Amino acid sequence: MANLISWPQEAIYSLLEKVRDREVLWNIKHKDYPKKNLRRGLFGEVSRELKEEFPSMEDLTPGVHPHHSLRNPQQLYLPRSHPVTQKICPYPAALKGFRRAQGNGSFLMQTPYDTLLDTLHTVKSRVQKQDDFVTTSVRGIMQYIPESCTKIKQSFTEQVLKLIHEKTIEIHRETANQ
């Protein structure tokens, strides 16, 4: 089967809609989800419907099912969520849980609002990590400045705060351009 990215965009959207309509294919909580033969049959229906809709797609033969390529539209719909979660989740079990949730087809219900929230969450986490790093670094450096040098400490603190502010603005601009 050809790579899903080489499909026409209408075919990809049609595939996503057809899979979304058949809840058994993506909802792991559905009572019939464990039945592999049922899912194979449903993917066969999806394949036949796509072949009727787009006769120019020669790579959809009766023996080939589109479920092998569903990870590609998943990556199109959730480009940022996975890397952000990898950075945030400190425990491997939490990360496995997210991968399982991502793999169950929840990407089919992703809305533009959810994508915007993911982007804002990314910005917030990047700024928070940067602030934590700078705070820890400043505390470490301040230990080595003698107490008698209060002016040096004040100017150093002011410069660090100014750098934090500039970097935060830069991160916001970067994210807005994406």
N, C-alpha and C. Protein backbone atom coordinates (compact mmCIF):
# COMPACT_ATOMS: atom_id res chain seq x y z
N MET A 1 0.84 -1.17 0.00
CA MET A 1 0.00 0.00 0.00
C MET A 1 0.88 1.24 0.00
N ALA A 2 0.53 2.18 -0.80
CA ALA A 2 1.31 3.41 -0.87
C ALA A 2 1.20 4.17 0.44
N ASN A 3 2.15 5.02 0.67
CA ASN A 3 2.14 5.82 1.88
C ASN A 3 0.90 6.71 1.89
N LEU A 4 0.28 6.85 3.06
CA LEU A 4 -0.96 7.62 3.17
C LEU A 4 -0.74 9.09 2.82
N ILE A 5 0.47 9.58 3.03
CA ILE A 5 0.76 10.98 2.72
C ILE A 5 0.63 11.22 1.22
N SER A 6 0.85 10.20 0.39
CA SER A 6 0.73 10.38 -1.06
C SER A 6 -0.72 10.33 -1.53
N TRP A 7 -1.65 10.04 -0.63
CA TRP A 7 -3.06 10.04 -1.00
C TRP A 7 -3.55 11.47 -1.21
N PRO A 8 -4.61 11.65 -1.99
CA PRO A 8 -5.21 12.99 -2.07
C PRO A 8 -5.79 13.38 -0.70
N GLN A 9 -5.79 14.67 -0.42
CA GLN A 9 -6.24 15.13 0.89
C GLN A 9 -7.70 14.76 1.14
N GLU A 10 -8.53 14.79 0.10
CA GLU A 10 -9.94 14.43 0.27
C GLU A 10 -10.07 12.97 0.70
N ALA A 11 -9.19 12.11 0.17
CA ALA A 11 -9.25 10.69 0.54
C ALA A 11 -8.87 10.49 2.00
N ILE A 12 -7.88 11.24 2.46
CA ILE A 12 -7.48 11.14 3.87
C ILE A 12 -8.62 11.57 4.77
N TYR A 13 -9.25 12.71 4.45
CA TYR A 13 -10.38 13.18 5.26
C TYR A 13 -11.53 12.19 5.21
N SER A 14 -11.78 11.62 4.05
CA SER A 14 -12.85 10.64 3.92
C SER A 14 -12.54 9.41 4.78
N LEU A 15 -11.28 8.96 4.75
CA LEU A 15 -10.89 7.82 5.58
C LEU A 15 -11.12 8.13 7.06
N LEU A 16 -10.71 9.31 7.49
CA LEU A 16 -10.89 9.68 8.89
C LEU A 16 -12.36 9.73 9.28
N GLU A 17 -13.20 10.27 8.40
CA GLU A 17 -14.63 10.34 8.70
C GLU A 17 -15.23 8.94 8.78
N LYS A 18 -14.85 8.07 7.86
CA LYS A 18 -15.40 6.71 7.85
C LYS A 18 -14.97 5.94 9.10
N VAL A 19 -13.73 6.12 9.51
CA VAL A 19 -13.26 5.44 10.72
C VAL A 19 -13.94 6.03 11.95
N ARG A 20 -14.10 7.35 11.97
CA ARG A 20 -14.75 8.00 13.11
C ARG A 20 -16.19 7.51 13.27
N ASP A 21 -16.88 7.28 12.16
CA ASP A 21 -18.27 6.82 12.22
C ASP A 21 -18.38 5.39 12.76
N ARG A 22 -17.34 4.61 12.62
CA ARG A 22 -17.37 3.22 13.11
C ARG A 22 -16.59 3.17 14.42
N GLU A 23 -17.30 3.35 15.50
CA GLU A 23 -16.69 3.50 16.82
C GLU A 23 -15.88 2.27 17.24
N VAL A 24 -16.24 1.10 16.75
CA VAL A 24 -15.54 -0.14 17.11
C VAL A 24 -14.06 -0.07 16.71
N LEU A 25 -13.75 0.68 15.68
CA LEU A 25 -12.38 0.71 15.16
C LEU A 25 -11.42 1.49 16.05
N TRP A 26 -11.92 2.44 16.83
CA TRP A 26 -11.00 3.28 17.58
C TRP A 26 -11.28 3.38 19.07
N ASN A 27 -12.46 3.03 19.53
CA ASN A 27 -12.80 3.17 20.95
C ASN A 27 -12.46 1.88 21.69
N ILE A 28 -11.39 1.92 22.49
CA ILE A 28 -10.97 0.70 23.19
C ILE A 28 -11.96 0.29 24.27
N LYS A 29 -12.87 1.19 24.66
CA LYS A 29 -13.87 0.85 25.67
C LYS A 29 -15.12 0.23 25.06
N HIS A 30 -15.19 0.20 23.74
CA HIS A 30 -16.36 -0.40 23.08
C HIS A 30 -16.35 -1.90 23.33
N LYS A 31 -17.55 -2.48 23.55
CA LYS A 31 -17.61 -3.90 23.92
C LYS A 31 -17.11 -4.82 22.81
N ASP A 32 -17.19 -4.39 21.55
CA ASP A 32 -16.75 -5.23 20.43
C ASP A 32 -15.32 -4.93 19.97
N TYR A 33 -14.62 -4.04 20.66
CA TYR A 33 -13.27 -3.66 20.24
C TYR A 33 -12.31 -4.86 20.19
N PRO A 34 -12.36 -5.79 21.15
CA PRO A 34 -11.40 -6.92 21.10
C PRO A 34 -11.62 -7.88 19.93
N LYS A 35 -12.74 -7.81 19.25
CA LYS A 35 -13.03 -8.74 18.16
C LYS A 35 -12.29 -8.30 16.89
N LYS A 36 -11.14 -8.93 16.65
CA LYS A 36 -10.30 -8.53 15.52
C LYS A 36 -10.96 -8.79 14.18
N ASN A 37 -11.69 -9.90 14.07
CA ASN A 37 -12.34 -10.20 12.79
C ASN A 37 -13.38 -9.15 12.44
N LEU A 38 -14.11 -8.68 13.44
CA LEU A 38 -15.10 -7.62 13.20
C LEU A 38 -14.41 -6.35 12.71
N ARG A 39 -13.30 -6.00 13.37
CA ARG A 39 -12.58 -4.80 12.96
C ARG A 39 -12.00 -4.95 11.56
N ARG A 40 -11.47 -6.13 11.25
CA ARG A 40 -10.94 -6.35 9.89
C ARG A 40 -12.05 -6.21 8.86
N GLY A 41 -13.23 -6.74 9.18
CA GLY A 41 -14.37 -6.61 8.26
C GLY A 41 -14.77 -5.17 8.06
N LEU A 42 -14.78 -4.40 9.16
CA LEU A 42 -15.14 -2.98 9.05
C LEU A 42 -14.09 -2.21 8.24
N PHE A 43 -12.82 -2.54 8.44
CA PHE A 43 -11.79 -1.88 7.63
C PHE A 43 -11.92 -2.28 6.17
N GLY A 44 -12.36 -3.51 5.92
CA GLY A 44 -12.63 -3.93 4.54
C GLY A 44 -13.74 -3.10 3.92
N GLU A 45 -14.80 -2.82 4.70
CA GLU A 45 -15.88 -1.95 4.21
C GLU A 45 -15.35 -0.56 3.89
N VAL A 46 -14.54 -0.03 4.81
CA VAL A 46 -13.96 1.30 4.59
C VAL A 46 -13.13 1.29 3.32
N SER A 47 -12.35 0.24 3.12
CA SER A 47 -11.51 0.13 1.93
C SER A 47 -12.36 0.11 0.66
N ARG A 48 -13.44 -0.67 0.67
CA ARG A 48 -14.31 -0.73 -0.52
C ARG A 48 -14.98 0.62 -0.79
N GLU A 49 -15.43 1.28 0.29
CA GLU A 49 -16.08 2.59 0.11
C GLU A 49 -15.09 3.61 -0.46
N LEU A 50 -13.86 3.58 0.04
CA LEU A 50 -12.85 4.50 -0.48
C LEU A 50 -12.54 4.20 -1.95
N LYS A 51 -12.50 2.93 -2.30
CA LYS A 51 -12.23 2.54 -3.68
C LYS A 51 -13.35 3.03 -4.60
N GLU A 52 -14.62 2.98 -4.12
CA GLU A 52 -15.74 3.48 -4.92
C GLU A 52 -15.67 5.00 -5.04
N GLU A 53 -15.32 5.67 -3.95
CA GLU A 53 -15.25 7.14 -3.96
C GLU A 53 -14.10 7.65 -4.82
N PHE A 54 -12.97 6.99 -4.71
CA PHE A 54 -11.76 7.43 -5.41
C PHE A 54 -11.23 6.29 -6.27
N PRO A 55 -11.81 6.08 -7.46
CA PRO A 55 -11.37 4.96 -8.31
C PRO A 55 -9.94 5.10 -8.79
N SER A 56 -9.39 6.30 -8.76
CA SER A 56 -8.02 6.49 -9.24
C SER A 56 -6.99 5.93 -8.26
N MET A 57 -7.41 5.59 -7.06
CA MET A 57 -6.47 5.07 -6.06
C MET A 57 -6.30 3.57 -6.27
N GLU A 58 -5.26 3.20 -6.98
CA GLU A 58 -5.04 1.79 -7.32
C GLU A 58 -4.45 1.00 -6.15
N ASP A 59 -3.95 1.70 -5.15
CA ASP A 59 -3.30 0.99 -4.06
C ASP A 59 -4.29 0.38 -3.08
N LEU A 60 -5.59 0.67 -3.22
CA LEU A 60 -6.59 0.07 -2.34
C LEU A 60 -7.18 -1.16 -3.02
N THR A 61 -6.52 -2.26 -2.86
CA THR A 61 -7.03 -3.51 -3.42
C THR A 61 -7.81 -4.24 -2.34
N PRO A 62 -8.63 -5.25 -2.69
CA PRO A 62 -9.43 -5.93 -1.67
C PRO A 62 -8.61 -6.54 -0.53
N GLY A 63 -7.38 -6.94 -0.79
CA GLY A 63 -6.57 -7.56 0.26
C GLY A 63 -5.83 -6.57 1.14
N VAL A 64 -5.85 -5.30 0.79
CA VAL A 64 -5.09 -4.29 1.53
C VAL A 64 -6.06 -3.41 2.30
N HIS A 65 -5.76 -3.19 3.57
CA HIS A 65 -6.65 -2.40 4.42
C HIS A 65 -5.98 -1.11 4.84
N PRO A 66 -6.75 -0.05 4.97
CA PRO A 66 -6.16 1.24 5.34
C PRO A 66 -5.74 1.33 6.80
N HIS A 67 -6.08 0.33 7.62
CA HIS A 67 -5.75 0.47 9.04
C HIS A 67 -4.25 0.43 9.31
N HIS A 68 -3.47 -0.04 8.34
CA HIS A 68 -2.02 -0.04 8.53
C HIS A 68 -1.45 1.38 8.49
N SER A 69 -2.18 2.29 7.89
CA SER A 69 -1.66 3.65 7.70
C SER A 69 -2.33 4.68 8.59
N LEU A 70 -3.11 4.25 9.58
CA LEU A 70 -3.82 5.23 10.39
C LEU A 70 -2.90 6.04 11.29
N ARG A 71 -1.66 5.63 11.46
CA ARG A 71 -0.76 6.43 12.29
C ARG A 71 -0.38 7.74 11.60
N ASN A 72 -0.36 7.74 10.27
CA ASN A 72 0.01 8.96 9.57
C ASN A 72 -1.00 10.09 9.79
N PRO A 73 -2.32 9.86 9.62
CA PRO A 73 -3.23 10.96 9.94
C PRO A 73 -3.19 11.31 11.41
N GLN A 74 -2.85 10.34 12.26
CA GLN A 74 -2.73 10.62 13.68
C GLN A 74 -1.63 11.66 13.89
N GLN A 75 -0.53 11.51 13.18
CA GLN A 75 0.56 12.46 13.30
C GLN A 75 0.18 13.82 12.72
N LEU A 76 -0.70 13.81 11.69
CA LEU A 76 -1.14 15.08 11.14
C LEU A 76 -2.01 15.84 12.13
N TYR A 77 -2.86 15.10 12.87
CA TYR A 77 -3.79 15.74 13.78
C TYR A 77 -3.15 16.13 15.10
N LEU A 78 -2.16 15.38 15.57
CA LEU A 78 -1.54 15.68 16.85
C LEU A 78 -0.04 15.88 16.69
N PRO A 79 0.39 16.96 16.05
CA PRO A 79 1.83 17.11 15.84
C PRO A 79 2.59 17.46 17.11
N ARG A 80 1.94 18.13 18.08
CA ARG A 80 2.67 18.64 19.24
C ARG A 80 2.40 17.87 20.53
N SER A 81 1.28 17.23 20.65
CA SER A 81 0.90 16.65 21.93
C SER A 81 1.88 15.61 22.42
N HIS A 82 2.36 14.75 21.55
CA HIS A 82 3.21 13.66 21.99
C HIS A 82 4.56 14.15 22.55
N PRO A 83 5.29 15.03 21.85
CA PRO A 83 6.56 15.50 22.41
C PRO A 83 6.36 16.25 23.72
N VAL A 84 5.30 17.04 23.83
CA VAL A 84 5.06 17.80 25.05
C VAL A 84 4.82 16.83 26.20
N THR A 85 4.03 15.81 25.97
CA THR A 85 3.73 14.84 27.03
C THR A 85 4.99 14.08 27.42
N GLN A 86 5.85 13.79 26.45
CA GLN A 86 7.09 13.11 26.79
C GLN A 86 7.91 13.95 27.76
N LYS A 87 7.92 15.25 27.58
CA LYS A 87 8.72 16.11 28.45
C LYS A 87 8.06 16.27 29.82
N ILE A 88 6.74 16.29 29.85
CA ILE A 88 6.03 16.57 31.10
C ILE A 88 5.94 15.33 31.99
N CYS A 89 5.63 14.16 31.41
CA CYS A 89 5.39 12.94 32.20
C CYS A 89 6.72 12.38 32.70
N PRO A 90 6.96 12.40 34.00
CA PRO A 90 8.22 11.88 34.50
C PRO A 90 8.25 10.36 34.61
N TYR A 91 7.09 9.71 34.57
CA TYR A 91 7.04 8.28 34.81
C TYR A 91 6.73 7.53 33.52
N PRO A 92 7.43 6.43 33.26
CA PRO A 92 7.19 5.66 32.03
C PRO A 92 5.76 5.14 31.94
N ALA A 93 5.15 4.79 33.07
CA ALA A 93 3.78 4.27 33.04
C ALA A 93 2.80 5.32 32.52
N ALA A 94 3.00 6.57 32.95
CA ALA A 94 2.12 7.64 32.48
C ALA A 94 2.30 7.85 30.98
N LEU A 95 3.53 7.75 30.51
CA LEU A 95 3.80 7.93 29.09
C LEU A 95 3.17 6.79 28.28
N LYS A 96 3.24 5.55 28.78
CA LYS A 96 2.61 4.44 28.09
C LYS A 96 1.11 4.64 28.02
N GLY A 97 0.53 5.14 29.11
CA GLY A 97 -0.91 5.40 29.12
C GLY A 97 -1.28 6.42 28.07
N PHE A 98 -0.46 7.44 27.90
CA PHE A 98 -0.77 8.45 26.89
C PHE A 98 -0.65 7.86 25.51
N ARG A 99 0.38 7.05 25.26
CA ARG A 99 0.53 6.44 23.94
C ARG A 99 -0.66 5.56 23.62
N ARG A 100 -1.14 4.83 24.64
CA ARG A 100 -2.31 3.99 24.43
C ARG A 100 -3.53 4.85 24.10
N ALA A 101 -3.69 5.96 24.82
CA ALA A 101 -4.83 6.84 24.57
C ALA A 101 -4.71 7.46 23.19
N GLN A 102 -3.48 7.79 22.79
CA GLN A 102 -3.30 8.39 21.47
C GLN A 102 -3.57 7.36 20.39
N GLY A 103 -3.22 6.10 20.65
CA GLY A 103 -3.39 5.06 19.66
C GLY A 103 -4.82 4.59 19.50
N ASN A 104 -5.71 4.95 20.42
CA ASN A 104 -7.07 4.42 20.33
C ASN A 104 -7.96 5.24 19.42
N GLY A 105 -7.42 6.22 18.75
CA GLY A 105 -8.20 6.97 17.78
C GLY A 105 -8.79 8.24 18.34
N SER A 106 -8.33 8.69 19.50
CA SER A 106 -8.88 9.92 20.06
C SER A 106 -8.53 11.12 19.18
N PHE A 107 -7.54 10.95 18.31
CA PHE A 107 -7.19 12.03 17.40
C PHE A 107 -8.33 12.35 16.44
N LEU A 108 -9.25 11.41 16.25
CA LEU A 108 -10.35 11.66 15.33
C LEU A 108 -11.31 12.71 15.88
N MET A 109 -11.27 12.93 17.19
CA MET A 109 -12.18 13.89 17.80
C MET A 109 -11.48 15.20 18.14
N GLN A 110 -10.24 15.37 17.70
CA GLN A 110 -9.49 16.58 17.99
C GLN A 110 -10.11 17.77 17.27
N THR A 111 -10.36 18.84 18.00
CA THR A 111 -10.95 20.03 17.40
C THR A 111 -9.89 21.12 17.33
N PRO A 112 -10.12 22.17 16.54
CA PRO A 112 -9.16 23.29 16.52
C PRO A 112 -8.96 23.90 17.90
N TYR A 113 -10.02 23.91 18.72
CA TYR A 113 -9.91 24.45 20.07
C TYR A 113 -8.92 23.62 20.90
N ASP A 114 -8.99 22.28 20.76
CA ASP A 114 -8.06 21.41 21.48
C ASP A 114 -6.63 21.66 21.02
N THR A 115 -6.45 21.85 19.72
CA THR A 115 -5.11 22.13 19.19
C THR A 115 -4.57 23.43 19.76
N LEU A 116 -5.43 24.46 19.86
CA LEU A 116 -5.01 25.73 20.45
C LEU A 116 -4.62 25.55 21.91
N LEU A 117 -5.41 24.77 22.66
CA LEU A 117 -5.08 24.51 24.06
C LEU A 117 -3.75 23.79 24.18
N ASP A 118 -3.49 22.83 23.29
CA ASP A 118 -2.20 22.12 23.31
C ASP A 118 -1.05 23.10 23.08
N THR A 119 -1.24 24.03 22.15
CA THR A 119 -0.20 25.01 21.85
C THR A 119 0.05 25.90 23.06
N LEU A 120 -1.02 26.38 23.70
CA LEU A 120 -0.87 27.22 24.88
C LEU A 120 -0.20 26.45 26.02
N HIS A 121 -0.55 25.18 26.15
CA HIS A 121 0.07 24.35 27.18
C HIS A 121 1.57 24.19 26.91
N THR A 122 1.93 24.07 25.64
CA THR A 122 3.34 23.96 25.26
C THR A 122 4.10 25.20 25.68
N VAL A 123 3.53 26.37 25.38
CA VAL A 123 4.19 27.64 25.74
C VAL A 123 4.34 27.73 27.24
N LYS A 124 3.28 27.42 27.96
CA LYS A 124 3.31 27.54 29.41
C LYS A 124 4.37 26.61 30.01
N SER A 125 4.45 25.38 29.51
CA SER A 125 5.42 24.44 30.06
C SER A 125 6.85 24.86 29.73
N ARG A 126 7.07 25.40 28.52
CA ARG A 126 8.42 25.85 28.16
C ARG A 126 8.86 27.02 29.04
N VAL A 127 7.95 27.96 29.27
CA VAL A 127 8.28 29.11 30.11
C VAL A 127 8.54 28.65 31.54
N GLN A 128 7.70 27.74 32.05
CA GLN A 128 7.87 27.25 33.41
C GLN A 128 9.20 26.53 33.58
N LYS A 129 9.57 25.68 32.62
CA LYS A 129 10.84 24.97 32.71
C LYS A 129 12.02 25.94 32.69
N GLN A 130 11.90 26.95 31.84
CA GLN A 130 12.97 27.94 31.74
C GLN A 130 13.09 28.70 33.06
N ASP A 131 11.95 29.10 33.63
CA ASP A 131 11.98 29.83 34.90
C ASP A 131 12.59 28.97 36.01
N ASP A 132 12.23 27.70 36.06
CA ASP A 132 12.78 26.80 37.08
C ASP A 132 14.29 26.67 36.92
N PHE A 133 14.74 26.52 35.68
CA PHE A 133 16.18 26.39 35.43
C PHE A 133 16.92 27.65 35.85
N VAL A 134 16.38 28.80 35.46
CA VAL A 134 17.05 30.07 35.78
C VAL A 134 17.06 30.30 37.28
N THR A 135 15.94 30.02 37.95
CA THR A 135 15.87 30.21 39.40
C THR A 135 16.91 29.35 40.10
N THR A 136 17.02 28.10 39.70
CA THR A 136 18.01 27.20 40.30
C THR A 136 19.42 27.70 40.02
N SER A 137 19.67 28.13 38.80
CA SER A 137 21.01 28.62 38.44
C SER A 137 21.36 29.88 39.22
N VAL A 138 20.40 30.80 39.33
CA VAL A 138 20.66 32.06 40.05
C VAL A 138 20.95 31.77 41.51
N ARG A 139 20.19 30.88 42.12
CA ARG A 139 20.45 30.54 43.53
C ARG A 139 21.85 29.96 43.69
N GLY A 140 22.24 29.11 42.74
CA GLY A 140 23.58 28.53 42.81
C GLY A 140 24.67 29.57 42.69
N ILE A 141 24.48 30.53 41.79
CA ILE A 141 25.49 31.58 41.59
C ILE A 141 25.51 32.53 42.78
N MET A 142 24.33 32.85 43.30
CA MET A 142 24.25 33.81 44.41
C MET A 142 24.96 33.29 45.66
N GLN A 143 25.08 32.00 45.81
CA GLN A 143 25.78 31.44 46.97
C GLN A 143 27.24 31.90 47.01
N TYR A 144 27.82 32.08 45.82
CA TYR A 144 29.25 32.38 45.75
C TYR A 144 29.55 33.88 45.77
N ILE A 145 28.51 34.71 45.73
CA ILE A 145 28.74 36.16 45.84
C ILE A 145 28.70 36.52 47.32
N PRO A 146 29.75 37.15 47.82
CA PRO A 146 29.78 37.48 49.25
C PRO A 146 28.64 38.42 49.65
N GLU A 147 28.24 38.33 50.91
CA GLU A 147 27.15 39.16 51.43
C GLU A 147 27.48 40.65 51.35
N SER A 148 28.74 40.99 51.40
CA SER A 148 29.13 42.41 51.38
C SER A 148 28.89 43.06 50.02
N CYS A 149 28.69 42.28 48.98
CA CYS A 149 28.52 42.82 47.62
C CYS A 149 27.04 42.89 47.25
N THR A 150 26.26 43.65 47.98
CA THR A 150 24.81 43.70 47.73
C THR A 150 24.49 44.37 46.40
N LYS A 151 25.28 45.38 46.00
CA LYS A 151 25.01 46.04 44.72
C LYS A 151 25.20 45.07 43.56
N ILE A 152 26.23 44.26 43.65
CA ILE A 152 26.47 43.27 42.59
C ILE A 152 25.31 42.28 42.53
N LYS A 153 24.85 41.85 43.71
CA LYS A 153 23.73 40.91 43.75
C LYS A 153 22.48 41.54 43.13
N GLN A 154 22.21 42.79 43.46
CA GLN A 154 21.01 43.45 42.93
C GLN A 154 21.09 43.60 41.42
N SER A 155 22.24 44.06 40.91
CA SER A 155 22.36 44.24 39.46
C SER A 155 22.28 42.89 38.73
N PHE A 156 22.88 41.87 39.33
CA PHE A 156 22.81 40.53 38.74
C PHE A 156 21.36 40.04 38.68
N THR A 157 20.63 40.23 39.76
CA THR A 157 19.23 39.81 39.81
C THR A 157 18.41 40.57 38.77
N GLU A 158 18.64 41.87 38.65
CA GLU A 158 17.90 42.67 37.66
C GLU A 158 18.19 42.19 36.24
N GLN A 159 19.46 41.90 35.96
CA GLN A 159 19.81 41.42 34.62
C GLN A 159 19.16 40.07 34.32
N VAL A 160 19.14 39.20 35.31
CA VAL A 160 18.51 37.88 35.11
C VAL A 160 17.02 38.04 34.85
N LEU A 161 16.35 38.89 35.62
CA LEU A 161 14.91 39.12 35.41
C LEU A 161 14.64 39.70 34.03
N LYS A 162 15.51 40.60 33.59
CA LYS A 162 15.35 41.18 32.26
C LYS A 162 15.51 40.10 31.18
N LEU A 163 16.50 39.23 31.34
CA LEU A 163 16.70 38.13 30.38
C LEU A 163 15.50 37.18 30.36
N ILE A 164 14.96 36.88 31.54
CA ILE A 164 13.79 36.00 31.60
C ILE A 164 12.63 36.63 30.84
N HIS A 165 12.42 37.91 31.04
CA HIS A 165 11.32 38.61 30.36
C HIS A 165 11.51 38.57 28.84
N GLU A 166 12.73 38.85 28.38
CA GLU A 166 13.00 38.82 26.94
C GLU A 166 12.82 37.42 26.35
N LYS A 167 13.28 36.41 27.06
CA LYS A 167 13.16 35.04 26.57
C LYS A 167 11.69 34.61 26.53
N THR A 168 10.90 35.03 27.50
CA THR A 168 9.47 34.70 27.52
C THR A 168 8.78 35.32 26.31
N ILE A 169 9.09 36.55 26.01
CA ILE A 169 8.51 37.21 24.84
C ILE A 169 8.94 36.47 23.56
N GLU A 170 10.20 36.07 23.50
CA GLU A 170 10.69 35.33 22.33
C GLU A 170 9.96 34.00 22.15
N ILE A 171 9.71 33.29 23.24
CA ILE A 171 8.98 32.02 23.16
C ILE A 171 7.57 32.25 22.67
N HIS A 172 6.91 33.30 23.17
CA HIS A 172 5.55 33.61 22.72
C HIS A 172 5.53 33.93 21.22
N ARG A 173 6.52 34.68 20.75
CA ARG A 173 6.58 35.00 19.32
C ARG A 173 6.81 33.74 18.48
N GLU A 174 7.72 32.88 18.94
CA GLU A 174 7.99 31.62 18.24
C GLU A 174 6.73 30.80 18.09
N THR A 175 5.99 30.67 19.17
CA THR A 175 4.77 29.86 19.16
C THR A 175 3.70 30.50 18.29
N ALA A 176 3.62 31.81 18.30
CA ALA A 176 2.63 32.50 17.46
C ALA A 176 2.94 32.31 15.98
N ASN A 177 4.23 32.22 15.63
CA ASN A 177 4.62 32.03 14.23
C ASN A 177 4.38 30.60 13.76
N GLN A 178 4.27 29.66 14.69
CA GLN A 178 4.03 28.27 14.29
C GLN A 178 2.61 28.15 13.94
